[in-house]
Amino acid sequence: MQQALRAGSVIAFDWNLSADEVRYSQNATEILGLGSRQVLRGAEWLKHIHPEDQRAWQPASTVLVPSSPRIRIAFRYPAARWW
């Protein structure tokens, strides 16, 4: 999977809302310029999403319930805004 992500210049991430942990694929450090940490808190993750896409995230996050705990959403991450 890592090779496919690198080839497509995309990342994958998993956000555990109850633990407030965002884990992301290894290539995110290259694409987004992330540090070596592999886990971020949700607020830290969200603050870097493109402002137009932040508005789309809020309604999408409200459909998450225990019986349907997954959604797929695409958004832009301005890489230059990372530390």
N, C-alpha and C. Protein backbone atom coordinates (compact mmCIF):
# COMPACT_ATOMS: atom_id res chain seq x y z
N MET A 1 0.82 -1.18 0.00
CA MET A 1 0.00 0.00 0.00
C MET A 1 0.87 1.26 0.00
N GLN A 2 1.98 1.23 0.75
CA GLN A 2 2.85 2.40 0.78
C GLN A 2 3.36 2.77 -0.61
N GLN A 3 3.69 1.75 -1.42
CA GLN A 3 4.17 2.02 -2.78
C GLN A 3 3.08 2.67 -3.62
N ALA A 4 1.85 2.21 -3.49
CA ALA A 4 0.74 2.80 -4.25
C ALA A 4 0.49 4.24 -3.82
N LEU A 5 0.55 4.50 -2.53
CA LEU A 5 0.36 5.87 -2.05
C LEU A 5 1.45 6.79 -2.58
N ARG A 6 2.69 6.32 -2.55
CA ARG A 6 3.79 7.13 -3.06
C ARG A 6 3.64 7.39 -4.57
N ALA A 7 3.26 6.35 -5.29
CA ALA A 7 3.11 6.49 -6.75
C ALA A 7 2.03 7.51 -7.09
N GLY A 8 0.97 7.54 -6.31
CA GLY A 8 -0.12 8.47 -6.57
C GLY A 8 0.03 9.81 -5.88
N SER A 9 1.10 9.99 -5.11
CA SER A 9 1.32 11.22 -4.34
C SER A 9 0.12 11.57 -3.47
N VAL A 10 -0.43 10.56 -2.80
CA VAL A 10 -1.54 10.75 -1.88
C VAL A 10 -1.18 10.11 -0.54
N ILE A 11 -1.91 10.48 0.49
CA ILE A 11 -1.70 9.88 1.80
C ILE A 11 -2.98 9.22 2.26
N ALA A 12 -2.87 8.38 3.25
CA ALA A 12 -4.02 7.78 3.91
C ALA A 12 -3.92 8.13 5.39
N PHE A 13 -5.07 8.30 6.03
CA PHE A 13 -5.04 8.57 7.46
C PHE A 13 -6.25 7.93 8.12
N ASP A 14 -6.13 7.73 9.41
CA ASP A 14 -7.21 7.17 10.21
C ASP A 14 -7.34 8.04 11.45
N TRP A 15 -8.55 8.54 11.69
CA TRP A 15 -8.79 9.40 12.83
C TRP A 15 -9.69 8.67 13.80
N ASN A 16 -9.16 8.30 14.93
CA ASN A 16 -9.94 7.68 15.99
C ASN A 16 -10.52 8.82 16.81
N LEU A 17 -11.81 9.12 16.60
CA LEU A 17 -12.43 10.27 17.26
C LEU A 17 -12.50 10.10 18.77
N SER A 18 -12.79 8.90 19.25
CA SER A 18 -12.93 8.72 20.69
C SER A 18 -11.59 8.91 21.41
N ALA A 19 -10.49 8.54 20.78
CA ALA A 19 -9.16 8.74 21.38
C ALA A 19 -8.53 10.06 20.92
N ASP A 20 -9.16 10.72 19.94
CA ASP A 20 -8.64 11.95 19.34
C ASP A 20 -7.21 11.76 18.86
N GLU A 21 -7.00 10.71 18.07
CA GLU A 21 -5.69 10.43 17.49
C GLU A 21 -5.81 10.27 15.98
N VAL A 22 -4.99 10.98 15.27
CA VAL A 22 -4.93 10.87 13.82
C VAL A 22 -3.61 10.19 13.47
N ARG A 23 -3.70 9.04 12.84
CA ARG A 23 -2.52 8.31 12.38
C ARG A 23 -2.50 8.39 10.86
N TYR A 24 -1.33 8.52 10.29
CA TYR A 24 -1.25 8.71 8.84
C TYR A 24 -0.16 7.84 8.25
N SER A 25 -0.25 7.67 6.94
CA SER A 25 0.70 6.83 6.22
C SER A 25 2.10 7.43 6.28
N GLN A 26 3.09 6.56 6.11
CA GLN A 26 4.49 6.97 6.20
C GLN A 26 4.86 8.07 5.22
N ASN A 27 4.26 8.05 4.04
CA ASN A 27 4.63 9.04 3.03
C ASN A 27 4.10 10.43 3.33
N ALA A 28 3.27 10.59 4.35
CA ALA A 28 2.78 11.92 4.72
C ALA A 28 3.92 12.82 5.17
N THR A 29 4.96 12.23 5.74
CA THR A 29 6.11 13.05 6.15
C THR A 29 6.78 13.68 4.93
N GLU A 30 6.77 12.98 3.81
CA GLU A 30 7.38 13.50 2.58
C GLU A 30 6.45 14.49 1.88
N ILE A 31 5.19 14.13 1.74
CA ILE A 31 4.25 14.94 0.97
C ILE A 31 3.86 16.21 1.71
N LEU A 32 3.58 16.09 3.01
CA LEU A 32 3.10 17.22 3.79
C LEU A 32 4.19 17.91 4.60
N GLY A 33 5.36 17.32 4.62
CA GLY A 33 6.43 17.90 5.40
C GLY A 33 6.23 17.72 6.90
N LEU A 34 5.52 16.68 7.29
CA LEU A 34 5.29 16.42 8.71
C LEU A 34 6.59 16.01 9.38
N GLY A 35 6.66 16.25 10.67
CA GLY A 35 7.80 15.78 11.44
C GLY A 35 7.75 14.26 11.55
N SER A 36 8.58 13.72 12.37
CA SER A 36 8.68 12.26 12.47
C SER A 36 7.56 11.63 13.30
N ARG A 37 6.74 12.45 13.96
CA ARG A 37 5.63 11.90 14.74
C ARG A 37 4.65 11.19 13.83
N GLN A 38 4.07 10.10 14.30
CA GLN A 38 3.09 9.37 13.51
C GLN A 38 1.67 9.56 14.02
N VAL A 39 1.49 10.35 15.08
CA VAL A 39 0.16 10.58 15.64
C VAL A 39 0.01 12.06 15.93
N LEU A 40 -1.13 12.62 15.53
CA LEU A 40 -1.47 14.00 15.84
C LEU A 40 -2.82 14.03 16.54
N ARG A 41 -3.12 15.07 17.26
CA ARG A 41 -4.45 15.31 17.82
C ARG A 41 -5.32 15.92 16.73
N GLY A 42 -6.62 15.72 16.85
CA GLY A 42 -7.55 16.19 15.82
C GLY A 42 -7.46 17.67 15.53
N ALA A 43 -7.39 18.50 16.56
CA ALA A 43 -7.32 19.95 16.35
C ALA A 43 -6.07 20.34 15.58
N GLU A 44 -4.98 19.65 15.87
CA GLU A 44 -3.72 19.92 15.17
C GLU A 44 -3.84 19.54 13.70
N TRP A 45 -4.49 18.41 13.43
CA TRP A 45 -4.71 17.93 12.07
C TRP A 45 -5.62 18.89 11.31
N LEU A 46 -6.75 19.27 11.91
CA LEU A 46 -7.74 20.11 11.24
C LEU A 46 -7.24 21.50 10.91
N LYS A 47 -6.39 22.06 11.74
CA LYS A 47 -5.97 23.44 11.50
C LYS A 47 -5.18 23.60 10.21
N HIS A 48 -4.70 22.51 9.64
CA HIS A 48 -3.92 22.59 8.42
C HIS A 48 -4.73 22.30 7.16
N ILE A 49 -5.99 21.88 7.32
CA ILE A 49 -6.84 21.62 6.16
C ILE A 49 -7.18 22.96 5.50
N HIS A 50 -7.24 22.97 4.19
CA HIS A 50 -7.58 24.18 3.44
C HIS A 50 -8.88 24.75 4.00
N PRO A 51 -8.95 26.09 4.21
CA PRO A 51 -10.15 26.69 4.80
C PRO A 51 -11.46 26.34 4.11
N GLU A 52 -11.47 26.26 2.79
CA GLU A 52 -12.70 25.90 2.08
C GLU A 52 -13.12 24.47 2.39
N ASP A 53 -12.15 23.60 2.64
CA ASP A 53 -12.46 22.20 2.92
C ASP A 53 -12.81 21.96 4.38
N GLN A 54 -12.41 22.87 5.27
CA GLN A 54 -12.79 22.74 6.68
C GLN A 54 -14.31 22.81 6.81
N ARG A 55 -14.95 23.66 6.02
CA ARG A 55 -16.42 23.78 6.06
C ARG A 55 -17.09 22.47 5.65
N ALA A 56 -16.48 21.73 4.75
CA ALA A 56 -17.05 20.46 4.31
C ALA A 56 -16.87 19.37 5.37
N TRP A 57 -15.80 19.47 6.17
CA TRP A 57 -15.52 18.44 7.17
C TRP A 57 -16.57 18.44 8.29
N GLN A 58 -17.02 19.60 8.73
CA GLN A 58 -17.93 19.67 9.87
C GLN A 58 -19.21 18.86 9.67
N PRO A 59 -19.97 19.04 8.57
CA PRO A 59 -21.17 18.21 8.40
C PRO A 59 -20.84 16.73 8.23
N ALA A 60 -19.73 16.43 7.58
CA ALA A 60 -19.37 15.02 7.37
C ALA A 60 -19.09 14.34 8.71
N SER A 61 -18.49 15.04 9.65
CA SER A 61 -18.14 14.44 10.93
C SER A 61 -19.37 14.14 11.78
N THR A 62 -20.48 14.80 11.52
CA THR A 62 -21.69 14.58 12.34
C THR A 62 -22.41 13.29 11.98
N VAL A 63 -22.09 12.66 10.86
CA VAL A 63 -22.77 11.42 10.48
C VAL A 63 -22.12 10.19 11.10
N LEU A 64 -21.01 10.38 11.79
CA LEU A 64 -20.33 9.25 12.42
C LEU A 64 -21.07 8.80 13.67
N VAL A 65 -21.47 7.55 13.67
CA VAL A 65 -22.15 6.94 14.81
C VAL A 65 -21.57 5.54 15.00
N PRO A 66 -21.72 4.95 16.20
CA PRO A 66 -21.14 3.62 16.42
C PRO A 66 -21.54 2.57 15.39
N SER A 67 -22.76 2.62 14.89
CA SER A 67 -23.20 1.62 13.91
C SER A 67 -22.63 1.89 12.52
N SER A 68 -22.14 3.09 12.27
CA SER A 68 -21.55 3.46 10.99
C SER A 68 -20.34 4.35 11.26
N PRO A 69 -19.22 3.75 11.72
CA PRO A 69 -18.10 4.56 12.20
C PRO A 69 -17.11 5.05 11.14
N ARG A 70 -17.41 4.88 9.87
CA ARG A 70 -16.43 5.28 8.85
C ARG A 70 -17.07 6.20 7.82
N ILE A 71 -16.28 7.14 7.37
CA ILE A 71 -16.66 7.99 6.22
C ILE A 71 -15.41 8.14 5.36
N ARG A 72 -15.64 8.53 4.13
CA ARG A 72 -14.54 8.88 3.24
C ARG A 72 -14.72 10.33 2.86
N ILE A 73 -13.65 11.06 2.96
CA ILE A 73 -13.72 12.48 2.62
C ILE A 73 -12.38 12.89 2.01
N ALA A 74 -12.44 13.76 1.05
CA ALA A 74 -11.21 14.27 0.42
C ALA A 74 -11.11 15.75 0.76
N PHE A 75 -9.89 16.20 1.00
CA PHE A 75 -9.67 17.61 1.26
C PHE A 75 -8.23 17.96 0.91
N ARG A 76 -7.99 19.25 0.81
CA ARG A 76 -6.66 19.74 0.46
C ARG A 76 -5.90 20.11 1.72
N TYR A 77 -4.61 19.91 1.66
CA TYR A 77 -3.70 20.24 2.74
C TYR A 77 -2.60 21.13 2.18
N PRO A 78 -2.62 22.41 2.42
CA PRO A 78 -1.53 23.26 1.93
C PRO A 78 -0.23 22.90 2.63
N ALA A 79 0.64 22.16 1.99
CA ALA A 79 1.85 21.63 2.61
C ALA A 79 2.74 22.72 3.19
N ALA A 80 2.74 23.88 2.63
CA ALA A 80 3.63 24.94 3.11
C ALA A 80 3.27 25.41 4.52
N ARG A 81 2.09 25.08 5.00
CA ARG A 81 1.68 25.54 6.33
C ARG A 81 2.14 24.63 7.45
N TRP A 82 2.78 23.53 7.13
CA TRP A 82 3.30 22.63 8.19
C TRP A 82 4.54 23.23 8.78
N TRP A 83 4.79 22.89 10.03
CA TRP A 83 5.92 23.42 10.77
C TRP A 83 7.12 23.35 9.93
